[in-house]
Structure formats: structure tokens, C-alpha cells
Amino acid sequence: MKDEIFLELGIGTRFRRLLEFMTSDADRLYEEAGLKFRVSYFYPIYALSVRGPMPIAEIAKLAGFSHSAVSQIVKKLSGEGVLETNRAADGRQKTVSLTAEGTRLVEDLQPYWAALEQSVKDVAVEAKTDVLAGISALETGFRKTSLYDRAKANLSAHKNPAHPYSIESYDVTHRQAFYDLNVWWLKKYFKVEPIDEKVLSNPEETILAKGGEIFFAVLDGKAVGAIAMKVEGDGVFELTKLAVDPTAQQGGMGRALCEKVIERFKARGGRTLYLETNTVLEPAIKLYWKLGFVEMQTATPSPYERANYYMEWQPETVNTAVDGTEAAA
């Protein structure tokens, strides 16, 4: 979605949104079939149909939910005659099982579950995404180190940064800095072309509204560096509008801005990340080589008169060239 704003920060919101998409459609399917079943009933009924009778604690473990949450849904389904609870053989805990009515319901649900499962698999194939592997990797990562602990560590790092500046997402308060920083280097080395004026004067429309992203290097509340990632479509992104205040260049600011774009490109599953620059900007080109960009031939003419050097990011080529922080076209 080109107007997506939540990104990784709102991943829970996006999962909830996806859940609502799927839940509403599945519930509609069940309702049309006349089945007294809802998506919220799925995990205990399915677990019992696959594993047989088990304690609430075991259902909770399989589903990853709290004991109290599972207990509530079991109580509800017991009241509807789908589940029943009985004392286990040792008499120490209750075992939940499907009733005869619940077993018949599962039989009726089988073709619908098969159709829904295949539909999810079809979407995964279309998206070329291993959904289960991705979810498992996230779960493993958060089990290893919780979101709380990770956030605390990041907060601590932010309070004691290795560099005096921070890399921050676009904020309208830095809008003029985005223009000024880029116009400064353009006038120093080349000229401000009509496309520069269009992009720099209205970054919200020319970059952000089309799905792109803009980042700033902020020092003492002032934006002293900027960079953008434009969306070309079909997994193609452009690293562009890199500019750093010459009086504030320190600590690899240009590199940090570029690395932020590379990080976002990877996070968004990009296919190609390219940039266009000019051979006059030798320090910048050395930086790009160091980051893994390589010179290539472009198939389409550049919209910039000054652009005579085209590069694409090839991470396997990362080298140790000298850092530079001037600017990209």
C-alpha cells in the first residue's frame, strides 16, 4: 500500500488488520453454510479434533494464549454443547473434549477448513512469501529476547548514541531543511533542474504520497543531513537526495543515512535499489562502493541532466573504500 504509514512500529496493527480481513470473510463463509461456528472458536476445537481430549493448559500452550482466555472460550463452547469437561483419570485436573455434536460440527467444517487453508497457500504463492516461516522467525526472535527488552535496549542506545546525531523519519518541521540542504550542493556543483525544484518543493506529494520515505540526520534538534528513497514500482526503489550540511559532517553521517535507506529497502522486500550521480562527486561514489553499490548500465534515460553514473546495490560486493558524505543526484 503506497499510503502505508505504520511500517514496523505498527506491525501489531497490521496483523490485526490482516486478522480482520480473514476473520470477516471466514465467518461469512460459515454463516452462509448455516454452520454454528465462528473463527474465534477455531483453536480449541481444531486442537481437540487433531490431538483428542486434553487439559485447558495444553490447549493454551498449543495456541500460545493465557489459561484464563482459553478457559473462557471453553466455558462458552461447553454451554453451546460443542465441548465438555471431565475429570482426568488421576482426578487432579479437568480434560476438555469434543461432544458428539462437536464431532459432527468438525466433520461439517472439514471442507471449509480445507478451502480456507488452500486459499491462504494460494495467496502466499502469489506473494512469493513463506508466511509460516516469517511468523515463526518473528516468534522465535521475540522468545529469545522480548519486545520489552529490545525496546529498553534501544532506548538506552538512543540516550547514549555513539554519534551526537540521530537518524529520524520525515517530519514536516524539517521540510525546509530537505530543500535547503539539497539546493546548496546542487548550486555548488551543478544547477537546480526543474525536476529538483518539483521534488524538493513538495516532498510529501512527490515522494511520501507515492510510498517513498525520507530521513534526516538530526543534531541538537536541527536537520543537518537528508536522504530519500523513492518508489519506482515492482520492487524497484531509488536512493536519492542525499545531502549533508558541510559544517556538520562528522561520524559518517552520509553513510548512516544511506544505511537507513538500505535497511528500509530490505525490510520492504525490494528487488532493485539504484542511484544516479555524477563522476564529479568522487567522495560520494567511494561511499556507495563501500556500501555495496556497483556501476551498471541503465536501461532508461535519467531525468537529470547531470546524471552520468548509474549504480545498483549488490550487497555481496561490499568493500572497504574510503567513506564520503557529499551528495547523490
C-alpha atoms as a PDB file:
ATOM      1  CA  MET A   1       0.000   0.000   0.000  1.00  0.00           C
ATOM      2  CA  LYS A   2       1.512   3.279  -1.096  1.00  0.00           C
ATOM      3  CA  ASP A   3      -0.127   5.173   1.793  1.00  0.00           C
ATOM      4  CA  GLU A   4       1.102   2.766   4.464  1.00  0.00           C
ATOM      5  CA  ILE A   5       2.352   4.699   7.495  1.00  0.00           C
ATOM      6  CA  PHE A   6       2.656   2.098  10.238  1.00  0.00           C
ATOM      7  CA  LEU A   7       5.641   0.032   8.968  1.00  0.00           C
ATOM      8  CA  GLU A   8       7.489  -1.977  11.661  1.00  0.00           C
ATOM      9  CA  LEU A   9       6.291   0.234  14.519  1.00  0.00           C
ATOM     10  CA  GLY A  10       2.696  -0.712  13.806  1.00  0.00           C
ATOM     11  CA  ILE A  11       3.226  -4.362  12.946  1.00  0.00           C
ATOM     12  CA  GLY A  12       0.672  -5.336  15.595  1.00  0.00           C
ATOM     13  CA  THR A  13      -1.844  -3.019  13.955  1.00  0.00           C
ATOM     14  CA  ARG A  14      -1.123  -4.574  10.584  1.00  0.00           C
ATOM     15  CA  PHE A  15      -1.512  -8.108  11.941  1.00  0.00           C
ATOM     16  CA  ARG A  16      -4.818  -7.049  13.496  1.00  0.00           C
ATOM     17  CA  ARG A  17      -5.913  -5.570  10.171  1.00  0.00           C
ATOM     18  CA  LEU A  18      -4.997  -8.775   8.361  1.00  0.00           C
ATOM     19  CA  LEU A  19      -6.826 -10.798  11.008  1.00  0.00           C
ATOM     20  CA  GLU A  20      -9.963  -8.723  10.475  1.00  0.00           C
ATOM     21  CA  PHE A  21      -9.771  -9.265   6.696  1.00  0.00           C
ATOM     22  CA  MET A  22      -9.553 -13.006   7.147  1.00  0.00           C
ATOM     23  CA  THR A  23     -11.966 -13.311  10.077  1.00  0.00           C
ATOM     24  CA  SER A  24     -14.809 -11.420   8.425  1.00  0.00           C
ATOM     25  CA  ASP A  25     -14.562 -13.475   5.226  1.00  0.00           C
ATOM     26  CA  ALA A  26     -14.291 -16.816   7.015  1.00  0.00           C
ATOM     27  CA  ASP A  27     -17.199 -16.020   9.333  1.00  0.00           C
ATOM     28  CA  ARG A  28     -19.252 -15.033   6.297  1.00  0.00           C
ATOM     29  CA  LEU A  29     -18.463 -18.407   4.727  1.00  0.00           C
ATOM     30  CA  TYR A  30     -19.555 -20.280   7.865  1.00  0.00           C
ATOM     31  CA  GLU A  31     -22.736 -18.224   8.188  1.00  0.00           C
ATOM     32  CA  GLU A  32     -23.747 -18.813   4.573  1.00  0.00           C
ATOM     33  CA  ALA A  33     -23.245 -22.553   5.112  1.00  0.00           C
ATOM     34  CA  GLY A  34     -25.519 -22.492   8.164  1.00  0.00           C
ATOM     35  CA  LEU A  35     -22.712 -23.635  10.459  1.00  0.00           C
ATOM     36  CA  LYS A  36     -22.877 -22.568  14.110  1.00  0.00           C
ATOM     37  CA  PHE A  37     -19.203 -21.744  14.128  1.00  0.00           C
ATOM     38  CA  ARG A  38     -17.022 -18.645  14.251  1.00  0.00           C
ATOM     39  CA  VAL A  39     -13.319 -18.046  13.730  1.00  0.00           C
ATOM     40  CA  SER A  40     -12.924 -17.303  17.452  1.00  0.00           C
ATOM     41  CA  TYR A  41     -13.929 -20.922  18.177  1.00  0.00           C
ATOM     42  CA  PHE A  42     -11.257 -22.357  15.890  1.00  0.00           C
ATOM     43  CA  TYR A  43      -8.203 -23.009  18.027  1.00  0.00           C
ATOM     44  CA  PRO A  44      -9.722 -25.165  20.832  1.00  0.00           C
ATOM     45  CA  ILE A  45     -11.998 -27.115  18.508  1.00  0.00           C
ATOM     46  CA  TYR A  46      -9.249 -27.741  15.970  1.00  0.00           C
ATOM     47  CA  ALA A  47      -6.714 -28.704  18.631  1.00  0.00           C
ATOM     48  CA  LEU A  48      -9.129 -31.213  20.150  1.00  0.00           C
ATOM     49  CA  SER A  49     -10.024 -32.635  16.736  1.00  0.00           C
ATOM     50  CA  VAL A  50      -6.336 -33.242  15.985  1.00  0.00           C
ATOM     51  CA  ARG A  51      -4.945 -34.217  19.402  1.00  0.00           C
ATOM     52  CA  GLY A  52      -8.012 -35.555  21.198  1.00  0.00           C
ATOM     53  CA  PRO A  53      -9.046 -34.731  24.794  1.00  0.00           C
ATOM     54  CA  MET A  54      -6.589 -32.572  26.736  1.00  0.00           C
ATOM     55  CA  PRO A  55      -6.426 -30.152  29.677  1.00  0.00           C
ATOM     56  CA  ILE A  56      -7.051 -26.455  29.187  1.00  0.00           C
ATOM     57  CA  ALA A  57      -3.386 -25.822  29.968  1.00  0.00           C
ATOM     58  CA  GLU A  58      -2.344 -27.930  26.977  1.00  0.00           C
ATOM     59  CA  ILE A  59      -4.721 -26.099  24.639  1.00  0.00           C
ATOM     60  CA  ALA A  60      -3.332 -22.800  25.926  1.00  0.00           C
ATOM     61  CA  LYS A  61       0.215 -23.987  25.272  1.00  0.00           C
ATOM     62  CA  LEU A  62      -0.565 -25.047  21.708  1.00  0.00           C
ATOM     63  CA  ALA A  63      -2.380 -21.807  20.886  1.00  0.00           C
ATOM     64  CA  GLY A  64       0.001 -19.531  22.782  1.00  0.00           C
ATOM     65  CA  PHE A  65      -2.817 -17.936  24.773  1.00  0.00           C
ATOM     66  CA  SER A  66      -3.308 -17.478  28.519  1.00  0.00           C
ATOM     67  CA  HIS A  67      -5.025 -20.158  30.599  1.00  0.00           C
ATOM     68  CA  SER A  68      -7.821 -17.731  31.513  1.00  0.00           C
ATOM     69  CA  ALA A  69      -8.519 -16.806  27.875  1.00  0.00           C
ATOM     70  CA  VAL A  70      -8.789 -20.475  26.887  1.00  0.00           C
ATOM     71  CA  SER A  71     -10.905 -21.247  29.931  1.00  0.00           C
ATOM     72  CA  GLN A  72     -13.425 -18.599  28.907  1.00  0.00           C
ATOM     73  CA  ILE A  73     -13.824 -19.872  25.355  1.00  0.00           C
ATOM     74  CA  VAL A  74     -14.073 -23.486  26.584  1.00  0.00           C
ATOM     75  CA  LYS A  75     -16.806 -22.434  29.006  1.00  0.00           C
ATOM     76  CA  LYS A  76     -18.701 -20.709  26.198  1.00  0.00           C
ATOM     77  CA  LEU A  77     -18.452 -23.698  23.846  1.00  0.00           C
ATOM     78  CA  SER A  78     -19.440 -26.070  26.625  1.00  0.00           C
ATOM     79  CA  GLY A  79     -22.577 -24.017  27.093  1.00  0.00           C
ATOM     80  CA  GLU A  80     -23.320 -24.457  23.399  1.00  0.00           C
ATOM     81  CA  GLY A  81     -22.952 -28.221  23.643  1.00  0.00           C
ATOM     82  CA  VAL A  82     -19.836 -28.420  21.481  1.00  0.00           C
ATOM     83  CA  LEU A  83     -17.298 -29.175  24.223  1.00  0.00           C
ATOM     84  CA  GLU A  84     -17.425 -30.918  27.586  1.00  0.00           C
ATOM     85  CA  THR A  85     -15.062 -31.175  30.527  1.00  0.00           C
ATOM     86  CA  ASN A  86     -14.405 -34.263  32.648  1.00  0.00           C
ATOM     87  CA  ARG A  87     -12.020 -35.150  35.415  1.00  0.00           C
ATOM     88  CA  ALA A  88      -8.835 -36.809  34.180  1.00  0.00           C
ATOM     89  CA  ALA A  89      -8.014 -40.331  35.328  1.00  0.00           C
ATOM     90  CA  ASP A  90      -5.760 -39.010  38.081  1.00  0.00           C
ATOM     91  CA  GLY A  91      -8.551 -36.728  39.269  1.00  0.00           C
ATOM     92  CA  ARG A  92      -6.229 -33.737  39.569  1.00  0.00           C
ATOM     93  CA  GLN A  93      -7.311 -31.742  36.515  1.00  0.00           C
ATOM     94  CA  LYS A  94     -10.138 -31.459  34.048  1.00  0.00           C
ATOM     95  CA  THR A  95      -9.866 -32.687  30.481  1.00  0.00           C
ATOM     96  CA  VAL A  96     -11.670 -30.966  27.619  1.00  0.00           C
ATOM     97  CA  SER A  97     -13.108 -32.987  24.754  1.00  0.00           C
ATOM     98  CA  LEU A  98     -15.497 -32.676  21.842  1.00  0.00           C
ATOM     99  CA  THR A  99     -19.083 -33.765  22.414  1.00  0.00           C
ATOM    100  CA  ALA A 100     -20.936 -35.857  19.828  1.00  0.00           C
ATOM    101  CA  GLU A 101     -22.357 -32.594  18.493  1.00  0.00           C
ATOM    102  CA  GLY A 102     -18.868 -31.100  18.397  1.00  0.00           C
ATOM    103  CA  THR A 103     -17.552 -34.092  16.460  1.00  0.00           C
ATOM    104  CA  ARG A 104     -20.331 -33.718  13.880  1.00  0.00           C
ATOM    105  CA  LEU A 105     -19.554 -30.000  13.618  1.00  0.00           C
ATOM    106  CA  VAL A 106     -15.889 -30.772  12.897  1.00  0.00           C
ATOM    107  CA  GLU A 107     -16.919 -33.182  10.138  1.00  0.00           C
ATOM    108  CA  ASP A 108     -19.074 -30.468   8.575  1.00  0.00           C
ATOM    109  CA  LEU A 109     -16.236 -27.964   8.867  1.00  0.00           C
ATOM    110  CA  GLN A 110     -13.556 -30.076   7.181  1.00  0.00           C
ATOM    111  CA  PRO A 111     -14.244 -28.993   3.558  1.00  0.00           C
ATOM    112  CA  TYR A 112     -14.405 -25.329   4.609  1.00  0.00           C
ATOM    113  CA  TRP A 113     -11.157 -25.580   6.545  1.00  0.00           C
ATOM    114  CA  ALA A 114      -9.517 -27.223   3.531  1.00  0.00           C
ATOM    115  CA  ALA A 115     -10.770 -24.455   1.231  1.00  0.00           C
ATOM    116  CA  LEU A 116      -9.583 -21.712   3.592  1.00  0.00           C
ATOM    117  CA  GLU A 117      -6.187 -23.340   4.064  1.00  0.00           C
ATOM    118  CA  GLN A 118      -5.695 -23.649   0.308  1.00  0.00           C
ATOM    119  CA  SER A 119      -6.727 -20.021  -0.159  1.00  0.00           C
ATOM    120  CA  VAL A 120      -4.044 -18.848   2.260  1.00  0.00           C
ATOM    121  CA  LYS A 121      -1.475 -21.023   0.497  1.00  0.00           C
ATOM    122  CA  ASP A 122      -2.533 -19.545  -2.861  1.00  0.00           C
ATOM    123  CA  VAL A 123      -2.022 -16.003  -1.598  1.00  0.00           C
ATOM    124  CA  ALA A 124       1.394 -16.943  -0.203  1.00  0.00           C
ATOM    125  CA  VAL A 125       2.416 -18.360  -3.596  1.00  0.00           C
ATOM    126  CA  GLU A 126       1.147 -15.251  -5.391  1.00  0.00           C
ATOM    127  CA  ALA A 127       3.065 -13.035  -2.973  1.00  0.00           C
ATOM    128  CA  LYS A 128       6.143 -15.296  -3.160  1.00  0.00           C
ATOM    129  CA  THR A 129       6.210 -15.277   0.625  1.00  0.00           C
ATOM    130  CA  ASP A 130       6.689 -18.095   3.108  1.00  0.00           C
ATOM    131  CA  VAL A 131       4.164 -16.767   5.606  1.00  0.00           C
ATOM    132  CA  LEU A 132       4.599 -19.504   8.221  1.00  0.00           C
ATOM    133  CA  ALA A 133       8.386 -19.246   8.138  1.00  0.00           C
ATOM    134  CA  GLY A 134       8.206 -15.477   8.606  1.00  0.00           C
ATOM    135  CA  ILE A 135       5.811 -15.706  11.535  1.00  0.00           C
ATOM    136  CA  SER A 136       7.877 -18.475  13.128  1.00  0.00           C
ATOM    137  CA  ALA A 137      11.027 -16.385  12.790  1.00  0.00           C
ATOM    138  CA  LEU A 138       9.353 -13.413  14.491  1.00  0.00           C
ATOM    139  CA  GLU A 139       8.036 -15.600  17.295  1.00  0.00           C
ATOM    140  CA  THR A 140      11.456 -17.196  17.805  1.00  0.00           C
ATOM    141  CA  GLY A 141      13.131 -13.804  17.864  1.00  0.00           C
ATOM    142  CA  PHE A 142      10.773 -12.403  20.480  1.00  0.00           C
ATOM    143  CA  ARG A 143      11.003 -15.549  22.604  1.00  0.00           C
ATOM    144  CA  LYS A 144      14.782 -15.228  22.546  1.00  0.00           C
ATOM    145  CA  THR A 145      14.672 -11.549  23.507  1.00  0.00           C
ATOM    146  CA  SER A 146      11.316  -9.982  24.295  1.00  0.00           C
ATOM    147  CA  LEU A 147       9.989  -6.864  22.617  1.00  0.00           C
ATOM    148  CA  TYR A 148      10.185  -5.158  26.012  1.00  0.00           C
ATOM    149  CA  ASP A 149      13.881  -5.974  26.465  1.00  0.00           C
ATOM    150  CA  ARG A 150      14.709  -4.982  22.887  1.00  0.00           C
ATOM    151  CA  ALA A 151      12.884  -1.662  23.222  1.00  0.00           C
ATOM    152  CA  LYS A 152      14.609  -0.924  26.532  1.00  0.00           C
ATOM    153  CA  ALA A 153      17.992  -1.583  24.923  1.00  0.00           C
ATOM    154  CA  ASN A 154      17.156   0.697  22.000  1.00  0.00           C
ATOM    155  CA  LEU A 155      16.003   3.426  24.359  1.00  0.00           C
ATOM    156  CA  SER A 156      19.263   3.141  26.233  1.00  0.00           C
ATOM    157  CA  ALA A 157      21.249   3.333  22.999  1.00  0.00           C
ATOM    158  CA  HIS A 158      19.242   6.377  21.928  1.00  0.00           C
ATOM    159  CA  LYS A 159      20.066   8.135  25.199  1.00  0.00           C
ATOM    160  CA  ASN A 160      23.754   7.355  24.765  1.00  0.00           C
ATOM    161  CA  PRO A 161      24.326   7.405  21.000  1.00  0.00           C
ATOM    162  CA  ALA A 162      27.697   6.599  19.511  1.00  0.00           C
ATOM    163  CA  HIS A 163      27.282   9.777  17.453  1.00  0.00           C
ATOM    164  CA  PRO A 164      25.794  13.117  18.546  1.00  0.00           C
ATOM    165  CA  TYR A 165      23.148  12.970  15.810  1.00  0.00           C
ATOM    166  CA  SER A 166      20.157  10.696  15.301  1.00  0.00           C
ATOM    167  CA  ILE A 167      18.577   9.356  12.105  1.00  0.00           C
ATOM    168  CA  GLU A 168      14.886  10.217  12.109  1.00  0.00           C
ATOM    169  CA  SER A 169      11.939   9.741   9.762  1.00  0.00           C
ATOM    170  CA  TYR A 170      10.395  12.649   7.893  1.00  0.00           C
ATOM    171  CA  ASP A 171       8.894  15.405   9.982  1.00  0.00           C
ATOM    172  CA  VAL A 172       7.289  18.486   8.491  1.00  0.00           C
ATOM    173  CA  THR A 173       9.387  20.668  10.799  1.00  0.00           C
ATOM    174  CA  HIS A 174      12.433  19.670   8.723  1.00  0.00           C
ATOM    175  CA  ARG A 175      10.711  20.242   5.373  1.00  0.00           C
ATOM    176  CA  GLN A 176      12.686  23.401   4.559  1.00  0.00           C
ATOM    177  CA  ALA A 177      15.951  21.711   5.528  1.00  0.00           C
ATOM    178  CA  PHE A 178      15.271  18.988   2.939  1.00  0.00           C
ATOM    179  CA  TYR A 179      15.091  21.718   0.303  1.00  0.00           C
ATOM    180  CA  ASP A 180      17.981  23.853   1.563  1.00  0.00           C
ATOM    181  CA  LEU A 181      20.489  21.032   2.106  1.00  0.00           C
ATOM    182  CA  ASN A 182      19.983  19.701  -1.410  1.00  0.00           C
ATOM    183  CA  VAL A 183      19.872  23.065  -3.157  1.00  0.00           C
ATOM    184  CA  TRP A 184      23.189  24.002  -1.522  1.00  0.00           C
ATOM    185  CA  TRP A 185      25.167  21.165  -3.099  1.00  0.00           C
ATOM    186  CA  LEU A 186      23.310  21.376  -6.394  1.00  0.00           C
ATOM    187  CA  LYS A 187      24.277  25.027  -6.804  1.00  0.00           C
ATOM    188  CA  LYS A 188      27.839  24.293  -5.708  1.00  0.00           C
ATOM    189  CA  TYR A 189      28.448  21.567  -8.300  1.00  0.00           C
ATOM    190  CA  PHE A 190      25.721  21.847 -10.927  1.00  0.00           C
ATOM    191  CA  LYS A 191      22.408  23.685 -11.145  1.00  0.00           C
ATOM    192  CA  VAL A 192      18.913  23.207  -9.760  1.00  0.00           C
ATOM    193  CA  GLU A 193      16.965  21.449 -12.501  1.00  0.00           C
ATOM    194  CA  PRO A 194      13.147  21.667 -12.859  1.00  0.00           C
ATOM    195  CA  ILE A 195      12.753  18.111 -11.524  1.00  0.00           C
ATOM    196  CA  ASP A 196      14.840  19.048  -8.464  1.00  0.00           C
ATOM    197  CA  GLU A 197      12.612  22.030  -7.765  1.00  0.00           C
ATOM    198  CA  LYS A 198       9.480  19.893  -8.144  1.00  0.00           C
ATOM    199  CA  VAL A 199      10.689  17.123  -5.818  1.00  0.00           C
ATOM    200  CA  LEU A 200      12.335  19.305  -3.195  1.00  0.00           C
ATOM    201  CA  SER A 201       9.485  21.825  -3.016  1.00  0.00           C
ATOM    202  CA  ASN A 202       6.823  19.208  -2.364  1.00  0.00           C
ATOM    203  CA  PRO A 203       8.349  16.014  -0.907  1.00  0.00           C
ATOM    204  CA  GLU A 204       5.030  14.960   0.614  1.00  0.00           C
ATOM    205  CA  GLU A 205       3.452  14.610  -2.816  1.00  0.00           C
ATOM    206  CA  THR A 206       6.439  13.618  -4.954  1.00  0.00           C
ATOM    207  CA  ILE A 207       7.980  11.087  -2.547  1.00  0.00           C
ATOM    208  CA  LEU A 208       5.896  10.239   0.521  1.00  0.00           C
ATOM    209  CA  ALA A 209       2.460  10.019  -1.122  1.00  0.00           C
ATOM    210  CA  LYS A 210       3.890   7.554  -3.644  1.00  0.00           C
ATOM    211  CA  GLY A 211       5.141   5.217  -0.931  1.00  0.00           C
ATOM    212  CA  GLY A 212       8.634   6.646  -0.582  1.00  0.00           C
ATOM    213  CA  GLU A 213      10.440   7.552   2.612  1.00  0.00           C
ATOM    214  CA  ILE A 214      12.595  10.465   3.764  1.00  0.00           C
ATOM    215  CA  PHE A 215      15.088  10.507   6.627  1.00  0.00           C
ATOM    216  CA  PHE A 216      17.054  13.216   8.380  1.00  0.00           C
ATOM    217  CA  ALA A 217      20.245  13.319  10.401  1.00  0.00           C
ATOM    218  CA  VAL A 218      19.227  15.495  13.348  1.00  0.00           C
ATOM    219  CA  LEU A 219      21.760  17.260  15.563  1.00  0.00           C
ATOM    220  CA  ASP A 220      20.561  19.274  18.556  1.00  0.00           C
ATOM    221  CA  GLY A 221      17.074  19.410  17.066  1.00  0.00           C
ATOM    222  CA  LYS A 222      18.284  20.650  13.668  1.00  0.00           C
ATOM    223  CA  ALA A 223      18.250  18.601  10.464  1.00  0.00           C
ATOM    224  CA  VAL A 224      21.829  18.610   9.164  1.00  0.00           C
ATOM    225  CA  GLY A 225      21.536  15.727   6.698  1.00  0.00           C
ATOM    226  CA  ALA A 226      18.833  14.251   4.485  1.00  0.00           C
ATOM    227  CA  ILE A 227      18.142  11.341   2.167  1.00  0.00           C
ATOM    228  CA  ALA A 228      15.151   9.882   0.354  1.00  0.00           C
ATOM    229  CA  MET A 229      14.038   6.531  -1.009  1.00  0.00           C
ATOM    230  CA  LYS A 230      11.645   6.854  -3.940  1.00  0.00           C
ATOM    231  CA  VAL A 231       9.369   4.051  -5.105  1.00  0.00           C
ATOM    232  CA  GLU A 232       9.512   3.222  -8.795  1.00  0.00           C
ATOM    233  CA  GLY A 233       7.188   0.210  -8.590  1.00  0.00           C
ATOM    234  CA  ASP A 234       7.542  -3.569  -8.980  1.00  0.00           C
ATOM    235  CA  GLY A 235      10.091  -3.765  -6.167  1.00  0.00           C
ATOM    236  CA  VAL A 236      12.335  -1.034  -7.624  1.00  0.00           C
ATOM    237  CA  PHE A 237      13.490   1.787  -5.334  1.00  0.00           C
ATOM    238  CA  GLU A 238      15.811   4.758  -5.835  1.00  0.00           C
ATOM    239  CA  LEU A 239      18.233   6.152  -3.261  1.00  0.00           C
ATOM    240  CA  THR A 240      18.191   9.878  -3.890  1.00  0.00           C
ATOM    241  CA  LYS A 241      18.535  13.372  -2.450  1.00  0.00           C
ATOM    242  CA  LEU A 242      21.451  12.609  -0.129  1.00  0.00           C
ATOM    243  CA  ALA A 243      22.806  15.836   1.285  1.00  0.00           C
ATOM    244  CA  VAL A 244      24.767  16.751   4.401  1.00  0.00           C
ATOM    245  CA  ASP A 245      25.475  20.174   5.883  1.00  0.00           C
ATOM    246  CA  PRO A 246      29.216  20.717   5.168  1.00  0.00           C
ATOM    247  CA  THR A 247      29.665  22.407   8.541  1.00  0.00           C
ATOM    248  CA  ALA A 248      28.237  19.419  10.396  1.00  0.00           C
ATOM    249  CA  GLN A 249      29.808  16.453   8.604  1.00  0.00           C
ATOM    250  CA  GLN A 250      31.002  14.098  11.290  1.00  0.00           C
ATOM    251  CA  GLY A 251      30.882  10.482  12.349  1.00  0.00           C
ATOM    252  CA  GLY A 252      29.913   9.002   8.992  1.00  0.00           C
ATOM    253  CA  MET A 253      26.625  10.875   8.715  1.00  0.00           C
ATOM    254  CA  GLY A 254      26.298  10.264   4.964  1.00  0.00           C
ATOM    255  CA  ARG A 255      26.942   6.569   5.472  1.00  0.00           C
ATOM    256  CA  ALA A 256      24.378   6.350   8.274  1.00  0.00           C
ATOM    257  CA  LEU A 257      21.743   7.948   6.058  1.00  0.00           C
ATOM    258  CA  CYS A 258      22.492   5.548   3.200  1.00  0.00           C
ATOM    259  CA  GLU A 259      22.423   2.570   5.543  1.00  0.00           C
ATOM    260  CA  LYS A 260      18.989   3.654   6.731  1.00  0.00           C
ATOM    261  CA  VAL A 261      17.684   3.548   3.164  1.00  0.00           C
ATOM    262  CA  ILE A 262      19.274   0.133   2.593  1.00  0.00           C
ATOM    263  CA  GLU A 263      17.684  -1.100   5.825  1.00  0.00           C
ATOM    264  CA  ARG A 264      14.251   0.105   4.695  1.00  0.00           C
ATOM    265  CA  PHE A 265      14.741  -1.334   1.194  1.00  0.00           C
ATOM    266  CA  LYS A 266      15.443  -4.775   2.674  1.00  0.00           C
ATOM    267  CA  ALA A 267      12.586  -4.508   5.163  1.00  0.00           C
ATOM    268  CA  ARG A 268      10.160  -3.783   2.347  1.00  0.00           C
ATOM    269  CA  GLY A 269      11.358  -6.741   0.274  1.00  0.00           C
ATOM    270  CA  GLY A 270      12.738  -4.607  -2.545  1.00  0.00           C
ATOM    271  CA  ARG A 271      14.096  -6.146  -5.717  1.00  0.00           C
ATOM    272  CA  THR A 272      16.354  -3.349  -7.008  1.00  0.00           C
ATOM    273  CA  LEU A 273      17.865  -0.340  -5.239  1.00  0.00           C
ATOM    274  CA  TYR A 274      19.635   2.090  -7.549  1.00  0.00           C
ATOM    275  CA  LEU A 275      21.015   5.613  -7.578  1.00  0.00           C
ATOM    276  CA  GLU A 276      22.146   8.142 -10.159  1.00  0.00           C
ATOM    277  CA  THR A 277      25.013  10.520  -9.524  1.00  0.00           C
ATOM    278  CA  ASN A 278      27.875  12.288 -11.313  1.00  0.00           C
ATOM    279  CA  THR A 279      31.544  11.348 -11.551  1.00  0.00           C
ATOM    280  CA  VAL A 280      32.445  14.786 -10.156  1.00  0.00           C
ATOM    281  CA  LEU A 281      31.190  13.582  -6.769  1.00  0.00           C
ATOM    282  CA  GLU A 282      34.098  11.220  -6.090  1.00  0.00           C
ATOM    283  CA  PRO A 283      33.715  11.070  -2.270  1.00  0.00           C
ATOM    284  CA  ALA A 284      30.063  10.088  -2.669  1.00  0.00           C
ATOM    285  CA  ILE A 285      30.872   7.398  -5.229  1.00  0.00           C
ATOM    286  CA  LYS A 286      33.532   5.949  -2.926  1.00  0.00           C
ATOM    287  CA  LEU A 287      30.930   5.791  -0.172  1.00  0.00           C
ATOM    288  CA  TYR A 288      28.478   3.990  -2.453  1.00  0.00           C
ATOM    289  CA  TRP A 289      31.109   1.437  -3.451  1.00  0.00           C
ATOM    290  CA  LYS A 290      31.843   0.829   0.213  1.00  0.00           C
ATOM    291  CA  LEU A 291      28.161   0.208   0.886  1.00  0.00           C
ATOM    292  CA  GLY A 292      27.837  -2.321  -1.921  1.00  0.00           C
ATOM    293  CA  PHE A 293      26.674  -0.253  -4.889  1.00  0.00           C
ATOM    294  CA  VAL A 294      28.286  -1.101  -8.226  1.00  0.00           C
ATOM    295  CA  GLU A 295      28.402   0.751 -11.523  1.00  0.00           C
ATOM    296  CA  MET A 296      25.989  -0.613 -14.111  1.00  0.00           C
ATOM    297  CA  GLN A 297      24.380   0.395 -17.381  1.00  0.00           C
ATOM    298  CA  THR A 298      20.891   1.836 -17.063  1.00  0.00           C
ATOM    299  CA  ALA A 299      18.169   0.771 -19.464  1.00  0.00           C
ATOM    300  CA  THR A 300      16.276   4.051 -19.203  1.00  0.00           C
ATOM    301  CA  PRO A 301      17.495   7.654 -19.649  1.00  0.00           C
ATOM    302  CA  SER A 302      17.882   9.666 -16.456  1.00  0.00           C
ATOM    303  CA  PRO A 303      15.520  12.598 -15.808  1.00  0.00           C
ATOM    304  CA  TYR A 304      18.564  14.522 -14.519  1.00  0.00           C
ATOM    305  CA  GLU A 305      20.909  16.325 -16.943  1.00  0.00           C
ATOM    306  CA  ARG A 306      23.831  15.944 -14.535  1.00  0.00           C
ATOM    307  CA  ALA A 307      23.477  12.182 -14.015  1.00  0.00           C
ATOM    308  CA  ASN A 308      26.272  10.312 -15.817  1.00  0.00           C
ATOM    309  CA  TYR A 309      26.892   7.485 -13.374  1.00  0.00           C
ATOM    310  CA  TYR A 310      24.371   4.744 -12.520  1.00  0.00           C
ATOM    311  CA  MET A 311      24.776   2.254  -9.653  1.00  0.00           C
ATOM    312  CA  GLU A 312      22.774  -0.627  -8.162  1.00  0.00           C
ATOM    313  CA  TRP A 313      23.104  -2.144  -4.713  1.00  0.00           C
ATOM    314  CA  GLN A 314      24.759  -5.558  -4.765  1.00  0.00           C
ATOM    315  CA  PRO A 315      25.394  -6.483  -1.099  1.00  0.00           C
ATOM    316  CA  GLU A 316      27.888  -9.214  -1.944  1.00  0.00           C
ATOM    317  CA  THR A 317      30.240  -6.520  -3.279  1.00  0.00           C
ATOM    318  CA  VAL A 318      30.544  -4.503  -0.052  1.00  0.00           C
ATOM    319  CA  ASN A 319      34.157  -3.354   0.240  1.00  0.00           C
ATOM    320  CA  THR A 320      36.359  -1.077   2.304  1.00  0.00           C
ATOM    321  CA  ALA A 321      36.654   2.024   0.139  1.00  0.00           C
ATOM    322  CA  VAL A 322      37.152   5.393   1.828  1.00  0.00           C
ATOM    323  CA  ASP A 323      33.999   6.956   3.277  1.00  0.00           C
ATOM    324  CA  GLY A 324      32.464  10.084   1.749  1.00  0.00           C
ATOM    325  CA  THR A 325      29.416  12.175   2.524  1.00  0.00           C
ATOM    326  CA  GLU A 326      28.832  14.700  -0.261  1.00  0.00           C
ATOM    327  CA  ALA A 327      25.626  14.051  -2.208  1.00  0.00           C
ATOM    328  CA  ALA A 328      23.723  11.910  -4.695  1.00  0.00           C
ATOM    329  CA  ALA A 329      21.840  13.176  -7.712  1.00  0.00           C
END
